C-alpha atoms as a PDB file:
ATOM      1  CA  MET A   1     -12.213   3.298  -1.796  1.00  0.00           C
ATOM      2  CA  THR A   2     -12.009  -0.231  -0.501  1.00  0.00           C
ATOM      3  CA  LEU A   3      -8.471  -1.220   0.685  1.00  0.00           C
ATOM      4  CA  LEU A   4      -7.801  -4.860   0.351  1.00  0.00           C
ATOM      5  CA  ASP A   5      -5.357  -6.509   2.766  1.00  0.00           C
ATOM      6  CA  ALA A   6      -2.868  -9.208   1.747  1.00  0.00           C
ATOM      7  CA  TYR A   7      -5.314 -11.998   2.689  1.00  0.00           C
ATOM      8  CA  ALA A   8      -7.841 -10.615   0.232  1.00  0.00           C
ATOM      9  CA  LEU A   9      -5.373 -10.446  -2.606  1.00  0.00           C
ATOM     10  CA  VAL A  10      -3.929 -13.918  -1.911  1.00  0.00           C
ATOM     11  CA  ALA A  11      -7.472 -15.245  -1.922  1.00  0.00           C
ATOM     12  CA  PHE A  12      -7.982 -13.698  -5.336  1.00  0.00           C
ATOM     13  CA  LEU A  13      -4.742 -15.145  -6.618  1.00  0.00           C
ATOM     14  CA  VAL A  14      -5.165 -18.734  -5.331  1.00  0.00           C
ATOM     15  CA  GLY A  15      -8.919 -19.098  -5.241  1.00  0.00           C
ATOM     16  CA  GLY A  16      -9.388 -18.846  -1.510  1.00  0.00           C
ATOM     17  CA  PRO A  17     -12.780 -18.468   0.321  1.00  0.00           C
ATOM     18  CA  ALA A  18     -12.835 -14.670  -0.128  1.00  0.00           C
ATOM     19  CA  ALA A  19     -12.045 -14.765  -3.855  1.00  0.00           C
ATOM     20  CA  PRO A  20     -15.652 -14.106  -5.105  1.00  0.00           C
ATOM     21  CA  GLN A  21     -16.125 -11.150  -2.765  1.00  0.00           C
ATOM     22  CA  VAL A  22     -12.709  -9.710  -3.795  1.00  0.00           C
ATOM     23  CA  ARG A  23     -13.596 -10.117  -7.464  1.00  0.00           C
ATOM     24  CA  ALA A  24     -16.827  -8.211  -6.859  1.00  0.00           C
ATOM     25  CA  ILE A  25     -14.804  -5.401  -5.080  1.00  0.00           C
ATOM     26  CA  LEU A  26     -12.393  -5.151  -7.958  1.00  0.00           C
ATOM     27  CA  ARG A  27     -15.314  -5.039 -10.486  1.00  0.00           C
ATOM     28  CA  ASP A  28     -16.761  -2.122  -8.608  1.00  0.00           C
ATOM     29  CA  GLY A  29     -13.707  -0.226  -9.568  1.00  0.00           C
ATOM     30  CA  ASP A  30     -12.844   1.634  -6.486  1.00  0.00           C
ATOM     31  CA  ALA A  31     -10.261  -0.732  -4.885  1.00  0.00           C
ATOM     32  CA  GLY A  32      -6.871  -0.057  -3.479  1.00  0.00           C
ATOM     33  CA  VAL A  33      -3.941  -1.868  -1.873  1.00  0.00           C
ATOM     34  CA  ALA A  34      -1.254  -0.295   0.386  1.00  0.00           C
ATOM     35  CA  THR A  35       2.159  -1.133  -1.164  1.00  0.00           C
ATOM     36  CA  ALA A  36       3.199  -2.822   2.110  1.00  0.00           C
ATOM     37  CA  ASN A  37       0.199  -5.165   1.687  1.00  0.00           C
ATOM     38  CA  LEU A  38       1.140  -5.820  -1.953  1.00  0.00           C
ATOM     39  CA  ALA A  39       4.577  -6.904  -0.843  1.00  0.00           C
ATOM     40  CA  GLU A  40       2.991  -9.140   1.745  1.00  0.00           C
ATOM     41  CA  THR A  41       0.643 -10.616  -0.895  1.00  0.00           C
ATOM     42  CA  LEU A  42       3.602 -11.566  -3.052  1.00  0.00           C
ATOM     43  CA  ASP A  43       5.530 -12.989  -0.130  1.00  0.00           C
ATOM     44  CA  VAL A  44       2.645 -15.141   1.145  1.00  0.00           C
ATOM     45  CA  SER A  45       1.715 -16.253  -2.409  1.00  0.00           C
ATOM     46  CA  ALA A  46       5.235 -17.515  -2.868  1.00  0.00           C
ATOM     47  CA  ARG A  47       6.012 -19.031   0.573  1.00  0.00           C
ATOM     48  CA  ARG A  48       2.706 -20.595   1.391  1.00  0.00           C
ATOM     49  CA  HIS A  49       1.162 -21.239  -2.048  1.00  0.00           C
ATOM     50  CA  GLY A  50       4.229 -21.858  -4.268  1.00  0.00           C
ATOM     51  CA  LEU A  51       3.163 -19.034  -6.716  1.00  0.00           C
ATOM     52  CA  SER A  52       6.452 -17.316  -7.741  1.00  0.00           C
ATOM     53  CA  VAL A  53       6.532 -13.541  -7.305  1.00  0.00           C
ATOM     54  CA  SER A  54       6.859 -12.982 -11.019  1.00  0.00           C
ATOM     55  CA  HIS A  55       3.916 -15.255 -11.717  1.00  0.00           C
ATOM     56  CA  ALA A  56       1.818 -13.527  -9.053  1.00  0.00           C
ATOM     57  CA  MET A  57       2.709 -10.156 -10.574  1.00  0.00           C
ATOM     58  CA  GLN A  58       1.453 -11.269 -14.004  1.00  0.00           C
ATOM     59  CA  PHE A  59      -1.990 -11.451 -12.457  1.00  0.00           C
ATOM     60  CA  ILE A  60      -1.642  -8.266 -10.350  1.00  0.00           C
ATOM     61  CA  GLU A  61      -0.101  -5.924 -12.915  1.00  0.00           C
ATOM     62  CA  PRO A  62      -3.287  -5.786 -15.082  1.00  0.00           C
ATOM     63  CA  LEU A  63      -5.274  -4.996 -11.941  1.00  0.00           C
ATOM     64  CA  LEU A  64      -2.952  -2.220 -11.061  1.00  0.00           C
ATOM     65  CA  GLU A  65      -3.586  -0.806 -14.488  1.00  0.00           C
ATOM     66  CA  GLU A  66      -7.308  -1.059 -14.426  1.00  0.00           C
ATOM     67  CA  ALA A  67      -9.011  -1.834 -11.108  1.00  0.00           C
ATOM     68  CA  LEU A  68      -6.574  -1.563  -8.212  1.00  0.00           C
ATOM     69  CA  LEU A  69      -4.897   1.681  -6.981  1.00  0.00           C
ATOM     70  CA  ALA A  70      -1.526   1.128  -5.271  1.00  0.00           C
ATOM     71  CA  VAL A  71      -1.322   3.511  -2.302  1.00  0.00           C
ATOM     72  CA  PRO A  72       2.350   4.333  -1.634  1.00  0.00           C
ATOM     73  CA  LEU A  73       3.994   4.226   1.728  1.00  0.00           C
ATOM     74  CA  ASP A  74       5.243   7.783   2.136  1.00  0.00           C
ATOM     75  CA  ALA A  75       6.460   9.475   5.261  1.00  0.00           C
ATOM     76  CA  ALA A  76       3.073  10.661   6.313  1.00  0.00           C
ATOM     77  CA  VAL A  77       1.575   7.171   6.007  1.00  0.00           C
ATOM     78  CA  ALA A  78       4.573   5.691   7.849  1.00  0.00           C
ATOM     79  CA  GLN A  79       4.058   8.099  10.721  1.00  0.00           C
ATOM     80  CA  ARG A  80       0.391   7.330  10.899  1.00  0.00           C
ATOM     81  CA  ALA A  81       1.068   3.636  10.728  1.00  0.00           C
ATOM     82  CA  ALA A  82       3.409   3.895  13.683  1.00  0.00           C
ATOM     83  CA  GLU A  83       0.786   5.829  15.595  1.00  0.00           C
ATOM     84  CA  VAL A  84      -1.976   3.194  14.801  1.00  0.00           C
ATOM     85  CA  ARG A  85       0.271   0.296  15.794  1.00  0.00           C
ATOM     86  CA  SER A  86       1.520   1.959  18.987  1.00  0.00           C
ATOM     87  CA  GLN A  87      -1.961   2.880  20.080  1.00  0.00           C
ATOM     88  CA  HIS A  88      -3.648  -0.473  19.214  1.00  0.00           C
ATOM     89  CA  TYR A  89      -1.032  -3.185  19.297  1.00  0.00           C
ATOM     90  CA  HIS A  90      -0.966  -5.839  22.079  1.00  0.00           C
ATOM     91  CA  ARG A  91       1.105  -8.982  21.772  1.00  0.00           C
ATOM     92  CA  ALA A  92      -1.610 -11.325  23.129  1.00  0.00           C
ATOM     93  CA  GLU A  93      -4.901  -9.364  22.626  1.00  0.00           C
ATOM     94  CA  ARG A  94      -4.397  -7.452  19.438  1.00  0.00           C
ATOM     95  CA  PRO A  95      -1.237  -8.719  17.510  1.00  0.00           C
ATOM     96  CA  ILE A  96      -1.501  -6.535  14.379  1.00  0.00           C
ATOM     97  CA  SER A  97       1.444  -6.550  12.010  1.00  0.00           C
ATOM     98  CA  LEU A  98       3.199  -3.431  10.808  1.00  0.00           C
ATOM     99  CA  ALA A  99       1.633  -4.124   7.386  1.00  0.00           C
ATOM    100  CA  ASP A 100      -1.767  -4.175   8.966  1.00  0.00           C
ATOM    101  CA  ALA A 101      -1.049  -0.748  10.586  1.00  0.00           C
ATOM    102  CA  VAL A 102       0.045   0.536   7.166  1.00  0.00           C
ATOM    103  CA  LEU A 103      -3.215  -0.731   5.665  1.00  0.00           C
ATOM    104  CA  ILE A 104      -5.278   1.200   8.231  1.00  0.00           C
ATOM    105  CA  ALA A 105      -2.960   4.315   7.879  1.00  0.00           C
ATOM    106  CA  SER A 106      -3.396   4.234   4.152  1.00  0.00           C
ATOM    107  CA  ALA A 107      -7.125   4.737   4.376  1.00  0.00           C
ATOM    108  CA  ARG A 108      -8.809   8.140   4.059  1.00  0.00           C
ATOM    109  CA  PRO A 109     -12.059   9.251   5.653  1.00  0.00           C
ATOM    110  CA  GLY A 110     -14.882   7.340   3.926  1.00  0.00           C
ATOM    111  CA  ASP A 111     -12.623   4.458   2.870  1.00  0.00           C
ATOM    112  CA  ARG A 112     -13.268   0.802   3.843  1.00  0.00           C
ATOM    113  CA  ILE A 113     -10.983  -1.922   4.863  1.00  0.00           C
ATOM    114  CA  ALA A 114     -11.608  -5.484   3.397  1.00  0.00           C
ATOM    115  CA  THR A 115     -10.121  -8.229   5.557  1.00  0.00           C
ATOM    116  CA  ALA A 116     -10.991 -11.390   7.468  1.00  0.00           C
ATOM    117  CA  ASP A 117      -8.834 -10.421  10.373  1.00  0.00           C
ATOM    118  CA  PRO A 118     -10.988  -9.590  13.366  1.00  0.00           C
ATOM    119  CA  ASP A 119      -8.210  -7.451  14.972  1.00  0.00           C
ATOM    120  CA  VAL A 120      -7.816  -5.329  11.906  1.00  0.00           C
ATOM    121  CA  LEU A 121     -11.576  -4.947  11.557  1.00  0.00           C
ATOM    122  CA  ALA A 122     -11.824  -3.752  15.120  1.00  0.00           C
ATOM    123  CA  ILE A 123      -9.045  -1.218  14.794  1.00  0.00           C
ATOM    124  CA  ALA A 124     -10.406   0.027  11.523  1.00  0.00           C
ATOM    125  CA  GLU A 125     -13.760   0.565  13.225  1.00  0.00           C
ATOM    126  CA  ALA A 126     -12.114   2.262  16.151  1.00  0.00           C
ATOM    127  CA  GLU A 127     -10.367   4.617  13.727  1.00  0.00           C
ATOM    128  CA  GLY A 128     -13.724   5.404  12.205  1.00  0.00           C
ATOM    129  CA  LEU A 129     -13.245   3.476   8.977  1.00  0.00           C
ATOM    130  CA  GLY A 130     -15.802   1.314   7.168  1.00  0.00           C
ATOM    131  CA  THR A 131     -15.162  -2.362   6.940  1.00  0.00           C
ATOM    132  CA  VAL A 132     -15.849  -5.242   4.660  1.00  0.00           C
ATOM    133  CA  VAL A 133     -15.754  -8.602   6.418  1.00  0.00           C
ATOM    134  CA  LEU A 134     -14.300 -11.255   4.231  1.00  0.00           C
ATOM    135  CA  PRO A 135     -14.856 -15.014   4.829  1.00  0.00           C
ATOM    136  CA  GLU A 136     -12.023 -16.688   6.778  1.00  0.00           C
ATOM    137  CA  ARG A 137      -9.936 -19.505   5.592  1.00  0.00           C
ATOM    138  CA  GLY A 138     -11.892 -22.760   5.494  1.00  0.00           C
END
């Protein structure tokens, strides 16, 4: 499975630089999103792009039914996210968010992380996960 971070889903929703690559991942049919990243997607879409949460969900709900698996944040993922963040976080050198740690913790062996964030990519690789490098904001 390829897990999409919030940046990837926001790009899909608003037509950002990564939108074509995200559409291709969704078409492949083995995409997922950690529920923490879904919440971040809705928040960023509303605050930065003026897309209401309900309007954004109108686009995301069909994806959740057909092409995008929502990976829930349960106690095991929460514990793993805390371990990932405590092992890799550094305020100046590697400032990953808790949602980023949840994204990485939601991955299983063989999964890939799709993001433009170099810190998340580096940690995913350090954790033995595959990566998909998305184009950064223009």
